[in-house]
Amino acid sequence: MRSSINRPPTPDAEEDQGKEPTLQEIINIKLIESGEKERLKELLRERLIECGWRDEMKALCRAFTRKKGRHNVTVDDLVHVITPKGRASVPDSVKAELLQRIRAFLVSASL
């Protein structure tokens, strides 16, 4: 069985006990606990659909699948090929809006 790409190994519980959480980890915990992370993910989904990014990624996946043959492509293959293109093509306006929302959250959470 192939392991999933881009997934770090699970850390040992012993290693985590003596370690202070990083600022990034603290922010992530606060985002999750407040429910803001889910709201941000939903906002991102909406904006990507509105700007046509999602349809563009679907078209890229279909083109790749046609090129390689439907039965010769795995999900991992698609992820490996499409992820860099997808990340690079997210509109700057969407990134800026998310960054603004994250900053506002950090100010309101006093972090």
PDB file of N, CA and C in Angstrom:
ATOM      1  N   MET A   1       0.836  -1.178   0.000  1.00  0.00           N
ATOM      2  CA  MET A   1       0.000   0.000   0.000  1.00  0.00           C
ATOM      3  C   MET A   1       0.881   1.242   0.000  1.00  0.00           C
ATOM      4  N   ARG A   2       0.565   2.197  -0.916  1.00  0.00           N
ATOM      5  CA  ARG A   2       1.344   3.426  -0.980  1.00  0.00           C
ATOM      6  C   ARG A   2       0.862   4.402   0.078  1.00  0.00           C
ATOM      7  N   SER A   3       1.820   5.092   0.688  1.00  0.00           N
ATOM      8  CA  SER A   3       1.421   6.092   1.683  1.00  0.00           C
ATOM      9  C   SER A   3       1.022   7.369   0.954  1.00  0.00           C
ATOM     10  N   SER A   4       0.206   8.148   1.595  1.00  0.00           N
ATOM     11  CA  SER A   4      -0.264   9.395   1.012  1.00  0.00           C
ATOM     12  C   SER A   4       0.889  10.387   0.939  1.00  0.00           C
ATOM     13  N   ILE A   5       0.918  11.153  -0.146  1.00  0.00           N
ATOM     14  CA  ILE A   5       1.974  12.156  -0.274  1.00  0.00           C
ATOM     15  C   ILE A   5       1.624  13.368   0.574  1.00  0.00           C
ATOM     16  N   ASN A   6       2.620  14.147   0.909  1.00  0.00           N
ATOM     17  CA  ASN A   6       2.475  15.391   1.651  1.00  0.00           C
ATOM     18  C   ASN A   6       1.866  15.205   3.037  1.00  0.00           C
ATOM     19  N   ARG A   7       1.955  14.044   3.599  1.00  0.00           N
ATOM     20  CA  ARG A   7       1.444  13.820   4.948  1.00  0.00           C
ATOM     21  C   ARG A   7       2.626  13.437   5.831  1.00  0.00           C
ATOM     22  N   PRO A   8       2.942  14.285   6.827  1.00  0.00           N
ATOM     23  CA  PRO A   8       4.076  13.971   7.693  1.00  0.00           C
ATOM     24  C   PRO A   8       3.757  12.791   8.597  1.00  0.00           C
ATOM     25  N   PRO A   9       4.778  12.101   9.051  1.00  0.00           N
ATOM     26  CA  PRO A   9       4.538  10.983   9.962  1.00  0.00           C
ATOM     27  C   PRO A   9       3.956  11.488  11.280  1.00  0.00           C
ATOM     28  N   THR A  10       3.191  10.647  11.947  1.00  0.00           N
ATOM     29  CA  THR A  10       2.603  11.010  13.228  1.00  0.00           C
ATOM     30  C   THR A  10       3.711  11.074  14.276  1.00  0.00           C
ATOM     31  N   PRO A  11       3.796  12.206  14.994  1.00  0.00           N
ATOM     32  CA  PRO A  11       4.868  12.320  15.993  1.00  0.00           C
ATOM     33  C   PRO A  11       4.595  11.414  17.194  1.00  0.00           C
ATOM     34  N   ASP A  12       5.658  11.028  17.849  1.00  0.00           N
ATOM     35  CA  ASP A  12       5.534  10.213  19.049  1.00  0.00           C
ATOM     36  C   ASP A  12       5.019  11.074  20.195  1.00  0.00           C
ATOM     37  N   ALA A  13       4.145  10.534  20.995  1.00  0.00           N
ATOM     38  CA  ALA A  13       3.556  11.271  22.111  1.00  0.00           C
ATOM     39  C   ALA A  13       4.631  11.701  23.113  1.00  0.00           C
ATOM     40  N   GLU A  14       5.654  10.881  23.283  1.00  0.00           N
ATOM     41  CA  GLU A  14       6.733  11.192  24.226  1.00  0.00           C
ATOM     42  C   GLU A  14       7.475  12.450  23.816  1.00  0.00           C
ATOM     43  N   GLU A  15       7.684  12.641  22.529  1.00  0.00           N
ATOM     44  CA  GLU A  15       8.433  13.793  22.039  1.00  0.00           C
ATOM     45  C   GLU A  15       7.660  15.088  22.270  1.00  0.00           C
ATOM     46  N   ASP A  16       6.339  15.033  22.199  1.00  0.00           N
ATOM     47  CA  ASP A  16       5.513  16.228  22.299  1.00  0.00           C
ATOM     48  C   ASP A  16       5.348  16.730  23.734  1.00  0.00           C
ATOM     49  N   GLN A  17       5.527  15.884  24.722  1.00  0.00           N
ATOM     50  CA  GLN A  17       5.234  16.255  26.096  1.00  0.00           C
ATOM     51  C   GLN A  17       6.114  17.390  26.606  1.00  0.00           C
ATOM     52  N   GLY A  18       7.374  17.420  26.315  1.00  0.00           N
ATOM     53  CA  GLY A  18       8.271  18.429  26.839  1.00  0.00           C
ATOM     54  C   GLY A  18       8.433  19.630  25.934  1.00  0.00           C
ATOM     55  N   LYS A  19       7.744  19.665  24.832  1.00  0.00           N
ATOM     56  CA  LYS A  19       7.943  20.706  23.835  1.00  0.00           C
ATOM     57  C   LYS A  19       6.863  21.781  23.943  1.00  0.00           C
ATOM     58  N   GLU A  20       7.281  23.046  23.949  1.00  0.00           N
ATOM     59  CA  GLU A  20       6.342  24.165  23.927  1.00  0.00           C
ATOM     60  C   GLU A  20       5.763  24.303  22.526  1.00  0.00           C
ATOM     61  N   PRO A  21       4.467  24.601  22.412  1.00  0.00           N
ATOM     62  CA  PRO A  21       3.891  24.781  21.083  1.00  0.00           C
ATOM     63  C   PRO A  21       4.423  26.053  20.422  1.00  0.00           C
ATOM     64  N   THR A  22       4.605  26.008  19.120  1.00  0.00           N
ATOM     65  CA  THR A  22       5.076  27.175  18.385  1.00  0.00           C
ATOM     66  C   THR A  22       3.923  28.150  18.220  1.00  0.00           C
ATOM     67  N   LEU A  23       4.218  29.364  17.813  1.00  0.00           N
ATOM     68  CA  LEU A  23       3.186  30.367  17.581  1.00  0.00           C
ATOM     69  C   LEU A  23       2.213  29.881  16.511  1.00  0.00           C
ATOM     70  N   GLN A  24       2.744  29.270  15.477  1.00  0.00           N
ATOM     71  CA  GLN A  24       1.892  28.731  14.406  1.00  0.00           C
ATOM     72  C   GLN A  24       0.929  27.681  14.958  1.00  0.00           C
ATOM     73  N   GLU A  25       1.417  26.811  15.833  1.00  0.00           N
ATOM     74  CA  GLU A  25       0.561  25.787  16.431  1.00  0.00           C
ATOM     75  C   GLU A  25      -0.508  26.411  17.333  1.00  0.00           C
ATOM     76  N   ILE A  26      -0.138  27.439  18.075  1.00  0.00           N
ATOM     77  CA  ILE A  26      -1.091  28.125  18.949  1.00  0.00           C
ATOM     78  C   ILE A  26      -2.187  28.774  18.117  1.00  0.00           C
ATOM     79  N   ILE A  27      -1.797  29.446  17.032  1.00  0.00           N
ATOM     80  CA  ILE A  27      -2.771  30.098  16.152  1.00  0.00           C
ATOM     81  C   ILE A  27      -3.704  29.059  15.544  1.00  0.00           C
ATOM     82  N   ASN A  28      -3.147  27.954  15.094  1.00  0.00           N
ATOM     83  CA  ASN A  28      -3.963  26.892  14.496  1.00  0.00           C
ATOM     84  C   ASN A  28      -4.977  26.350  15.514  1.00  0.00           C
ATOM     85  N   ILE A  29      -4.551  26.150  16.741  1.00  0.00           N
ATOM     86  CA  ILE A  29      -5.449  25.660  17.794  1.00  0.00           C
ATOM     87  C   ILE A  29      -6.581  26.660  18.032  1.00  0.00           C
ATOM     88  N   LYS A  30      -6.233  27.942  18.120  1.00  0.00           N
ATOM     89  CA  LYS A  30      -7.247  28.983  18.343  1.00  0.00           C
ATOM     90  C   LYS A  30      -8.234  29.034  17.177  1.00  0.00           C
ATOM     91  N   LEU A  31      -7.728  28.914  15.938  1.00  0.00           N
ATOM     92  CA  LEU A  31      -8.602  28.922  14.760  1.00  0.00           C
ATOM     93  C   LEU A  31      -9.586  27.756  14.807  1.00  0.00           C
ATOM     94  N   ILE A  32      -9.105  26.599  15.197  1.00  0.00           N
ATOM     95  CA  ILE A  32      -9.955  25.409  15.255  1.00  0.00           C
ATOM     96  C   ILE A  32     -10.976  25.541  16.388  1.00  0.00           C
ATOM     97  N   GLU A  33     -10.499  25.915  17.582  1.00  0.00           N
ATOM     98  CA  GLU A  33     -11.391  26.008  18.743  1.00  0.00           C
ATOM     99  C   GLU A  33     -12.522  27.008  18.539  1.00  0.00           C
ATOM    100  N   SER A  34     -12.227  28.111  17.848  1.00  0.00           N
ATOM    101  CA  SER A  34     -13.230  29.155  17.659  1.00  0.00           C
ATOM    102  C   SER A  34     -14.179  28.855  16.502  1.00  0.00           C
ATOM    103  N   GLY A  35     -13.804  27.883  15.671  1.00  0.00           N
ATOM    104  CA  GLY A  35     -14.608  27.576  14.494  1.00  0.00           C
ATOM    105  C   GLY A  35     -14.252  28.455  13.303  1.00  0.00           C
ATOM    106  N   GLU A  36     -13.303  29.359  13.482  1.00  0.00           N
ATOM    107  CA  GLU A  36     -12.918  30.280  12.403  1.00  0.00           C
ATOM    108  C   GLU A  36     -12.247  29.548  11.255  1.00  0.00           C
ATOM    109  N   LYS A  37     -11.533  28.478  11.548  1.00  0.00           N
ATOM    110  CA  LYS A  37     -10.856  27.740  10.481  1.00  0.00           C
ATOM    111  C   LYS A  37     -11.871  27.194   9.478  1.00  0.00           C
ATOM    112  N   GLU A  38     -12.973  26.639   9.970  1.00  0.00           N
ATOM    113  CA  GLU A  38     -14.014  26.121   9.066  1.00  0.00           C
ATOM    114  C   GLU A  38     -14.658  27.252   8.269  1.00  0.00           C
ATOM    115  N   ARG A  39     -14.877  28.400   8.923  1.00  0.00           N
ATOM    116  CA  ARG A  39     -15.466  29.546   8.208  1.00  0.00           C
ATOM    117  C   ARG A  39     -14.521  30.038   7.118  1.00  0.00           C
ATOM    118  N   LEU A  40     -13.230  30.066   7.400  1.00  0.00           N
ATOM    119  CA  LEU A  40     -12.248  30.484   6.399  1.00  0.00           C
ATOM    120  C   LEU A  40     -12.191  29.499   5.234  1.00  0.00           C
ATOM    121  N   LYS A  41     -12.263  28.210   5.539  1.00  0.00           N
ATOM    122  CA  LYS A  41     -12.255  27.191   4.481  1.00  0.00           C
ATOM    123  C   LYS A  41     -13.484  27.332   3.584  1.00  0.00           C
ATOM    124  N   GLU A  42     -14.636  27.605   4.188  1.00  0.00           N
ATOM    125  CA  GLU A  42     -15.863  27.786   3.411  1.00  0.00           C
ATOM    126  C   GLU A  42     -15.772  29.046   2.547  1.00  0.00           C
ATOM    127  N   LEU A  43     -15.239  30.115   3.105  1.00  0.00           N
ATOM    128  CA  LEU A  43     -15.040  31.347   2.331  1.00  0.00           C
ATOM    129  C   LEU A  43     -14.114  31.084   1.144  1.00  0.00           C
ATOM    130  N   LEU A  44     -13.031  30.353   1.386  1.00  0.00           N
ATOM    131  CA  LEU A  44     -12.094  30.018   0.316  1.00  0.00           C
ATOM    132  C   LEU A  44     -12.787  29.215  -0.775  1.00  0.00           C
ATOM    133  N   ARG A  45     -13.568  28.207  -0.398  1.00  0.00           N
ATOM    134  CA  ARG A  45     -14.314  27.418  -1.388  1.00  0.00           C
ATOM    135  C   ARG A  45     -15.208  28.313  -2.239  1.00  0.00           C
ATOM    136  N   GLU A  46     -15.961  29.190  -1.584  1.00  0.00           N
ATOM    137  CA  GLU A  46     -16.877  30.082  -2.303  1.00  0.00           C
ATOM    138  C   GLU A  46     -16.139  30.977  -3.279  1.00  0.00           C
ATOM    139  N   ARG A  47     -15.047  31.589  -2.821  1.00  0.00           N
ATOM    140  CA  ARG A  47     -14.296  32.519  -3.682  1.00  0.00           C
ATOM    141  C   ARG A  47     -13.655  31.796  -4.870  1.00  0.00           C
ATOM    142  N   LEU A  48     -13.149  30.591  -4.635  1.00  0.00           N
ATOM    143  CA  LEU A  48     -12.525  29.845  -5.728  1.00  0.00           C
ATOM    144  C   LEU A  48     -13.550  29.414  -6.770  1.00  0.00           C
ATOM    145  N   ILE A  49     -14.753  29.098  -6.324  1.00  0.00           N
ATOM    146  CA  ILE A  49     -15.817  28.749  -7.265  1.00  0.00           C
ATOM    147  C   ILE A  49     -16.237  29.990  -8.047  1.00  0.00           C
ATOM    148  N   GLU A  50     -16.410  31.121  -7.338  1.00  0.00           N
ATOM    149  CA  GLU A  50     -16.834  32.370  -7.977  1.00  0.00           C
ATOM    150  C   GLU A  50     -15.880  32.821  -9.076  1.00  0.00           C
ATOM    151  N   CYS A  51     -14.585  32.673  -8.851  1.00  0.00           N
ATOM    152  CA  CYS A  51     -13.606  33.177  -9.819  1.00  0.00           C
ATOM    153  C   CYS A  51     -13.291  32.167 -10.924  1.00  0.00           C
ATOM    154  N   GLY A  52     -13.882  30.983 -10.870  1.00  0.00           N
ATOM    155  CA  GLY A  52     -13.671  29.996 -11.918  1.00  0.00           C
ATOM    156  C   GLY A  52     -12.468  29.093 -11.712  1.00  0.00           C
ATOM    157  N   TRP A  53     -11.798  29.239 -10.581  1.00  0.00           N
ATOM    158  CA  TRP A  53     -10.607  28.443 -10.303  1.00  0.00           C
ATOM    159  C   TRP A  53     -10.936  26.956 -10.254  1.00  0.00           C
ATOM    160  N   ARG A  54     -12.031  26.628  -9.606  1.00  0.00           N
ATOM    161  CA  ARG A  54     -12.417  25.218  -9.466  1.00  0.00           C
ATOM    162  C   ARG A  54     -12.651  24.572 -10.832  1.00  0.00           C
ATOM    163  N   ASP A  55     -13.362  25.279 -11.722  1.00  0.00           N
ATOM    164  CA  ASP A  55     -13.607  24.752 -13.061  1.00  0.00           C
ATOM    165  C   ASP A  55     -12.307  24.587 -13.844  1.00  0.00           C
ATOM    166  N   GLU A  56     -11.384  25.521 -13.623  1.00  0.00           N
ATOM    167  CA  GLU A  56     -10.077  25.444 -14.279  1.00  0.00           C
ATOM    168  C   GLU A  56      -9.318  24.189 -13.820  1.00  0.00           C
ATOM    169  N   MET A  57      -9.371  23.895 -12.524  1.00  0.00           N
ATOM    170  CA  MET A  57      -8.695  22.711 -11.989  1.00  0.00           C
ATOM    171  C   MET A  57      -9.355  21.426 -12.501  1.00  0.00           C
ATOM    172  N   LYS A  58     -10.686  21.430 -12.598  1.00  0.00           N
ATOM    173  CA  LYS A  58     -11.383  20.269 -13.161  1.00  0.00           C
ATOM    174  C   LYS A  58     -10.929  20.013 -14.587  1.00  0.00           C
ATOM    175  N   ALA A  59     -10.831  21.093 -15.364  1.00  0.00           N
ATOM    176  CA  ALA A  59     -10.406  20.961 -16.761  1.00  0.00           C
ATOM    177  C   ALA A  59      -8.985  20.416 -16.845  1.00  0.00           C
ATOM    178  N   LEU A  60      -8.102  20.881 -15.978  1.00  0.00           N
ATOM    179  CA  LEU A  60      -6.726  20.374 -15.968  1.00  0.00           C
ATOM    180  C   LEU A  60      -6.699  18.882 -15.624  1.00  0.00           C
ATOM    181  N   CYS A  61      -7.504  18.485 -14.652  1.00  0.00           N
ATOM    182  CA  CYS A  61      -7.569  17.068 -14.266  1.00  0.00           C
ATOM    183  C   CYS A  61      -8.089  16.216 -15.416  1.00  0.00           C
ATOM    184  N   ARG A  62      -9.130  16.691 -16.066  1.00  0.00           N
ATOM    185  CA  ARG A  62      -9.686  15.934 -17.195  1.00  0.00           C
ATOM    186  C   ARG A  62      -8.686  15.819 -18.338  1.00  0.00           C
ATOM    187  N   ALA A  63      -8.001  16.917 -18.632  1.00  0.00           N
ATOM    188  CA  ALA A  63      -7.009  16.891 -19.712  1.00  0.00           C
ATOM    189  C   ALA A  63      -5.876  15.915 -19.387  1.00  0.00           C
ATOM    190  N   PHE A  64      -5.404  15.940 -18.136  1.00  0.00           N
ATOM    191  CA  PHE A  64      -4.340  15.032 -17.722  1.00  0.00           C
ATOM    192  C   PHE A  64      -4.805  13.584 -17.823  1.00  0.00           C
ATOM    193  N   THR A  65      -6.036  13.330 -17.387  1.00  0.00           N
ATOM    194  CA  THR A  65      -6.593  11.975 -17.425  1.00  0.00           C
ATOM    195  C   THR A  65      -6.743  11.481 -18.856  1.00  0.00           C
ATOM    196  N   ARG A  66      -7.205  12.362 -19.747  1.00  0.00           N
ATOM    197  CA  ARG A  66      -7.322  11.967 -21.161  1.00  0.00           C
ATOM    198  C   ARG A  66      -5.956  11.657 -21.765  1.00  0.00           C
ATOM    199  N   LYS A  67      -4.975  12.475 -21.411  1.00  0.00           N
ATOM    200  CA  LYS A  67      -3.625  12.306 -21.961  1.00  0.00           C
ATOM    201  C   LYS A  67      -2.997  10.984 -21.516  1.00  0.00           C
ATOM    202  N   LYS A  68      -3.135  10.648 -20.241  1.00  0.00           N
ATOM    203  CA  LYS A  68      -2.509   9.439 -19.688  1.00  0.00           C
ATOM    204  C   LYS A  68      -3.364   8.182 -19.858  1.00  0.00           C
ATOM    205  N   GLY A  69      -4.644   8.375 -20.071  1.00  0.00           N
ATOM    206  CA  GLY A  69      -5.532   7.217 -20.137  1.00  0.00           C
ATOM    207  C   GLY A  69      -6.250   7.054 -18.810  1.00  0.00           C
ATOM    208  N   ARG A  70      -7.541   6.914 -18.897  1.00  0.00           N
ATOM    209  CA  ARG A  70      -8.388   6.897 -17.709  1.00  0.00           C
ATOM    210  C   ARG A  70      -7.975   5.848 -16.666  1.00  0.00           C
ATOM    211  N   HIS A  71      -7.535   4.703 -17.113  1.00  0.00           N
ATOM    212  CA  HIS A  71      -7.196   3.617 -16.194  1.00  0.00           C
ATOM    213  C   HIS A  71      -5.735   3.644 -15.755  1.00  0.00           C
ATOM    214  N   ASN A  72      -4.977   4.609 -16.265  1.00  0.00           N
ATOM    215  CA  ASN A  72      -3.550   4.696 -15.935  1.00  0.00           C
ATOM    216  C   ASN A  72      -3.233   5.848 -14.981  1.00  0.00           C
ATOM    217  N   VAL A  73      -4.264   6.476 -14.406  1.00  0.00           N
ATOM    218  CA  VAL A  73      -4.060   7.635 -13.539  1.00  0.00           C
ATOM    219  C   VAL A  73      -4.602   7.333 -12.146  1.00  0.00           C
ATOM    220  N   THR A  74      -3.794   7.640 -11.137  1.00  0.00           N
ATOM    221  CA  THR A  74      -4.247   7.500  -9.750  1.00  0.00           C
ATOM    222  C   THR A  74      -4.513   8.893  -9.180  1.00  0.00           C
ATOM    223  N   VAL A  75      -5.188   8.926  -8.057  1.00  0.00           N
ATOM    224  CA  VAL A  75      -5.445  10.197  -7.385  1.00  0.00           C
ATOM    225  C   VAL A  75      -4.117  10.850  -7.004  1.00  0.00           C
ATOM    226  N   ASP A  76      -3.170  10.052  -6.539  1.00  0.00           N
ATOM    227  CA  ASP A  76      -1.859  10.600  -6.182  1.00  0.00           C
ATOM    228  C   ASP A  76      -1.177  11.245  -7.382  1.00  0.00           C
ATOM    229  N   ASP A  77      -1.312  10.646  -8.570  1.00  0.00           N
ATOM    230  CA  ASP A  77      -0.753  11.240  -9.790  1.00  0.00           C
ATOM    231  C   ASP A  77      -1.364  12.614 -10.037  1.00  0.00           C
ATOM    232  N   LEU A  78      -2.683  12.678  -9.935  1.00  0.00           N
ATOM    233  CA  LEU A  78      -3.383  13.956 -10.148  1.00  0.00           C
ATOM    234  C   LEU A  78      -2.931  15.001  -9.141  1.00  0.00           C
ATOM    235  N   VAL A  79      -2.872  14.610  -7.882  1.00  0.00           N
ATOM    236  CA  VAL A  79      -2.462  15.546  -6.837  1.00  0.00           C
ATOM    237  C   VAL A  79      -1.054  16.061  -7.109  1.00  0.00           C
ATOM    238  N   HIS A  80      -0.158  15.168  -7.478  1.00  0.00           N
ATOM    239  CA  HIS A  80       1.231  15.539  -7.723  1.00  0.00           C
ATOM    240  C   HIS A  80       1.354  16.535  -8.883  1.00  0.00           C
ATOM    241  N   VAL A  81       0.578  16.349  -9.932  1.00  0.00           N
ATOM    242  CA  VAL A  81       0.665  17.205 -11.117  1.00  0.00           C
ATOM    243  C   VAL A  81      -0.121  18.504 -10.953  1.00  0.00           C
ATOM    244  N   ILE A  82      -1.306  18.432 -10.375  1.00  0.00           N
ATOM    245  CA  ILE A  82      -2.207  19.571 -10.343  1.00  0.00           C
ATOM    246  C   ILE A  82      -1.930  20.528  -9.176  1.00  0.00           C
ATOM    247  N   THR A  83      -1.458  20.041  -8.040  1.00  0.00           N
ATOM    248  CA  THR A  83      -1.257  20.889  -6.860  1.00  0.00           C
ATOM    249  C   THR A  83      -0.393  22.120  -7.131  1.00  0.00           C
ATOM    250  N   PRO A  84       0.783  21.985  -7.746  1.00  0.00           N
ATOM    251  CA  PRO A  84       1.581  23.201  -7.987  1.00  0.00           C
ATOM    252  C   PRO A  84       0.862  24.211  -8.885  1.00  0.00           C
ATOM    253  N   LYS A  85       0.173  23.715  -9.903  1.00  0.00           N
ATOM    254  CA  LYS A  85      -0.562  24.606 -10.803  1.00  0.00           C
ATOM    255  C   LYS A  85      -1.715  25.274 -10.068  1.00  0.00           C
ATOM    256  N   GLY A  86      -2.393  24.506  -9.223  1.00  0.00           N
ATOM    257  CA  GLY A  86      -3.515  25.042  -8.468  1.00  0.00           C
ATOM    258  C   GLY A  86      -3.099  26.116  -7.488  1.00  0.00           C
ATOM    259  N   ARG A  87      -2.032  25.871  -6.771  1.00  0.00           N
ATOM    260  CA  ARG A  87      -1.554  26.864  -5.797  1.00  0.00           C
ATOM    261  C   ARG A  87      -1.101  28.141  -6.486  1.00  0.00           C
ATOM    262  N   ALA A  88      -0.438  27.988  -7.610  1.00  0.00           N
ATOM    263  CA  ALA A  88       0.072  29.155  -8.334  1.00  0.00           C
ATOM    264  C   ALA A  88      -1.046  29.974  -8.968  1.00  0.00           C
ATOM    265  N   SER A  89      -2.192  29.357  -9.227  1.00  0.00           N
ATOM    266  CA  SER A  89      -3.251  30.072  -9.945  1.00  0.00           C
ATOM    267  C   SER A  89      -4.355  30.635  -9.051  1.00  0.00           C
ATOM    268  N   VAL A  90      -4.198  30.528  -7.731  1.00  0.00           N
ATOM    269  CA  VAL A  90      -5.180  31.147  -6.832  1.00  0.00           C
ATOM    270  C   VAL A  90      -5.034  32.668  -6.988  1.00  0.00           C
ATOM    271  N   PRO A  91      -6.132  33.352  -7.291  1.00  0.00           N
ATOM    272  CA  PRO A  91      -6.051  34.803  -7.505  1.00  0.00           C
ATOM    273  C   PRO A  91      -5.527  35.552  -6.278  1.00  0.00           C
ATOM    274  N   ASP A  92      -4.745  36.595  -6.526  1.00  0.00           N
ATOM    275  CA  ASP A  92      -4.190  37.396  -5.436  1.00  0.00           C
ATOM    276  C   ASP A  92      -5.282  38.025  -4.585  1.00  0.00           C
ATOM    277  N   SER A  93      -6.406  38.363  -5.193  1.00  0.00           N
ATOM    278  CA  SER A  93      -7.501  38.981  -4.431  1.00  0.00           C
ATOM    279  C   SER A  93      -8.051  38.001  -3.385  1.00  0.00           C
ATOM    280  N   VAL A  94      -8.102  36.729  -3.726  1.00  0.00           N
ATOM    281  CA  VAL A  94      -8.591  35.711  -2.786  1.00  0.00           C
ATOM    282  C   VAL A  94      -7.582  35.552  -1.646  1.00  0.00           C
ATOM    283  N   LYS A  95      -6.307  35.501  -1.995  1.00  0.00           N
ATOM    284  CA  LYS A  95      -5.270  35.383  -0.961  1.00  0.00           C
ATOM    285  C   LYS A  95      -5.311  36.585  -0.023  1.00  0.00           C
ATOM    286  N   ALA A  96      -5.468  37.786  -0.593  1.00  0.00           N
ATOM    287  CA  ALA A  96      -5.490  39.006   0.213  1.00  0.00           C
ATOM    288  C   ALA A  96      -6.694  39.020   1.156  1.00  0.00           C
ATOM    289  N   GLU A  97      -7.854  38.587   0.662  1.00  0.00           N
ATOM    290  CA  GLU A  97      -9.043  38.564   1.506  1.00  0.00           C
ATOM    291  C   GLU A  97      -8.876  37.597   2.678  1.00  0.00           C
ATOM    292  N   LEU A  98      -8.337  36.414   2.401  1.00  0.00           N
ATOM    293  CA  LEU A  98      -8.110  35.443   3.477  1.00  0.00           C
ATOM    294  C   LEU A  98      -7.093  35.963   4.495  1.00  0.00           C
ATOM    295  N   LEU A  99      -6.038  36.572   3.999  1.00  0.00           N
ATOM    296  CA  LEU A  99      -5.019  37.118   4.894  1.00  0.00           C
ATOM    297  C   LEU A  99      -5.617  38.203   5.787  1.00  0.00           C
ATOM    298  N   GLN A 100      -6.470  39.055   5.212  1.00  0.00           N
ATOM    299  CA  GLN A 100      -7.128  40.097   5.994  1.00  0.00           C
ATOM    300  C   GLN A 100      -8.016  39.495   7.081  1.00  0.00           C
ATOM    301  N   ARG A 101      -8.758  38.463   6.730  1.00  0.00           N
ATOM    302  CA  ARG A 101      -9.638  37.801   7.710  1.00  0.00           C
ATOM    303  C   ARG A 101      -8.821  37.151   8.827  1.00  0.00           C
ATOM    304  N   ILE A 102      -7.691  36.544   8.480  1.00  0.00           N
ATOM    305  CA  ILE A 102      -6.833  35.918   9.490  1.00  0.00           C
ATOM    306  C   ILE A 102      -6.255  36.985  10.419  1.00  0.00           C
ATOM    307  N   ARG A 103      -5.798  38.092   9.843  1.00  0.00           N
ATOM    308  CA  ARG A 103      -5.261  39.183  10.670  1.00  0.00           C
ATOM    309  C   ARG A 103      -6.324  39.728  11.621  1.00  0.00           C
ATOM    310  N   ALA A 104      -7.533  39.916  11.105  1.00  0.00           N
ATOM    311  CA  ALA A 104      -8.628  40.413  11.951  1.00  0.00           C
ATOM    312  C   ALA A 104      -8.907  39.442  13.088  1.00  0.00           C
ATOM    313  N   PHE A 105      -8.876  38.151  12.790  1.00  0.00           N
ATOM    314  CA  PHE A 105      -9.082  37.148  13.827  1.00  0.00           C
ATOM    315  C   PHE A 105      -7.989  37.232  14.884  1.00  0.00           C
ATOM    316  N   LEU A 106      -6.731  37.381  14.456  1.00  0.00           N
ATOM    317  CA  LEU A 106      -5.625  37.430  15.401  1.00  0.00           C
ATOM    318  C   LEU A 106      -5.733  38.663  16.299  1.00  0.00           C
ATOM    319  N   VAL A 107      -6.154  39.776  15.734  1.00  0.00           N
ATOM    320  CA  VAL A 107      -6.344  40.986  16.538  1.00  0.00           C
ATOM    321  C   VAL A 107      -7.455  40.781  17.555  1.00  0.00           C
ATOM    322  N   SER A 108      -8.575  40.205  17.105  1.00  0.00           N
ATOM    323  CA  SER A 108      -9.703  39.994  18.015  1.00  0.00           C
ATOM    324  C   SER A 108      -9.383  38.944  19.076  1.00  0.00           C
ATOM    325  N   ALA A 109      -8.518  37.999  18.759  1.00  0.00           N
ATOM    326  CA  ALA A 109      -8.146  36.960  19.716  1.00  0.00           C
ATOM    327  C   ALA A 109      -6.969  37.395  20.586  1.00  0.00           C
ATOM    328  N   SER A 110      -6.440  38.593  20.321  1.00  0.00           N
ATOM    329  CA  SER A 110      -5.314  39.162  21.074  1.00  0.00           C
ATOM    330  C   SER A 110      -4.089  38.271  21.057  1.00  0.00           C
ATOM    331  N   LEU A 111      -3.746  37.770  19.878  1.00  0.00           N
ATOM    332  CA  LEU A 111      -2.541  36.935  19.749  1.00  0.00           C
ATOM    333  C   LEU A 111      -1.391  37.732  19.178  1.00  0.00           C
TER     334      LEU A 111
END
